[in-house]
Amino acid sequence: MEGKEQGLRERFLKIYADIPLNLRKEIILVLENEPISWNVAFVEVTNKTHKSTIILKKLNELRII
């Protein structure tokens, strides 16, 4: 799973880098009744938190990354 998660992390970071700054505040996911924007997801993913694993999985399922 670690290899797949790393692949998702890399895809997320590539997509995030191409998103215009003003769109990074947009909500892309609701997780545990909390809105997750691109910026929030970026912080979670770069810090490799437990939430980042869930965020990456959900974004992949939604075909956002």
Protein backbone atom coordinates (compact mmCIF):
# COMPACT_ATOMS: atom_id res chain seq x y z
CA MET A 1 0.00 0.00 0.00
CA GLU A 2 2.87 2.37 0.72
CA GLY A 3 3.93 2.35 -2.94
CA LYS A 4 0.40 3.09 -4.14
CA GLU A 5 0.00 5.84 -1.54
CA GLN A 6 3.30 7.39 -2.64
CA GLY A 7 2.07 7.33 -6.24
CA LEU A 8 -1.17 9.06 -5.23
CA ARG A 9 0.80 11.62 -3.22
CA GLU A 10 2.99 12.40 -6.25
CA ARG A 11 -0.06 12.73 -8.54
CA PHE A 12 -1.76 15.02 -6.03
CA LEU A 13 1.31 17.28 -5.77
CA LYS A 14 1.65 17.52 -9.57
CA ILE A 15 -2.01 18.46 -9.96
CA TYR A 16 -1.87 20.88 -7.01
CA ALA A 17 1.10 22.70 -8.56
CA ASP A 18 -0.93 23.37 -11.72
CA ILE A 19 -4.03 24.70 -9.94
CA PRO A 20 -4.38 28.51 -10.03
CA LEU A 21 -3.93 30.13 -6.62
CA ASN A 22 -7.49 31.45 -6.44
CA LEU A 23 -8.94 27.95 -6.99
CA ARG A 24 -6.93 26.34 -4.20
CA LYS A 25 -9.44 27.66 -1.66
CA GLU A 26 -12.26 25.71 -3.33
CA ILE A 27 -13.73 22.74 -1.45
CA ILE A 28 -12.93 19.47 -3.20
CA LEU A 29 -14.08 16.96 -0.60
CA VAL A 30 -16.08 16.67 2.62
CA LEU A 31 -14.44 14.37 5.14
CA GLU A 32 -15.94 13.67 8.56
CA ASN A 33 -18.32 16.64 8.07
CA GLU A 34 -15.34 18.96 7.45
CA PRO A 35 -14.80 20.72 4.13
CA ILE A 36 -11.41 19.96 2.58
CA SER A 37 -9.99 22.52 0.16
CA TRP A 38 -6.96 22.03 -2.06
CA ASN A 39 -4.92 24.01 0.49
CA VAL A 40 -6.06 21.87 3.44
CA ALA A 41 -5.39 18.70 1.45
CA PHE A 42 -1.92 19.99 0.57
CA VAL A 43 -1.02 20.56 4.23
CA GLU A 44 -2.28 17.10 5.20
CA VAL A 45 -0.49 15.39 2.29
CA THR A 46 2.85 17.16 2.80
CA ASN A 47 2.76 16.32 6.52
CA LYS A 48 1.83 12.69 5.72
CA THR A 49 -0.94 12.61 8.32
CA HIS A 50 -3.45 9.80 8.79
CA LYS A 51 -6.05 12.07 7.20
CA SER A 52 -3.89 12.43 4.11
CA THR A 53 -4.22 8.70 3.41
CA ILE A 54 -8.01 9.01 3.46
CA ILE A 55 -7.96 12.23 1.40
CA LEU A 56 -5.75 10.68 -1.29
CA LYS A 57 -7.92 7.56 -1.44
CA LYS A 58 -11.14 9.59 -1.78
CA LEU A 59 -9.67 11.94 -4.41
CA ASN A 60 -8.52 8.91 -6.38
CA GLU A 61 -11.98 7.28 -6.12
CA LEU A 62 -13.56 10.52 -7.36
CA ARG A 63 -10.99 10.62 -10.20
CA ILE A 64 -9.82 14.06 -9.15
CA ILE A 65 -6.25 12.79 -9.03
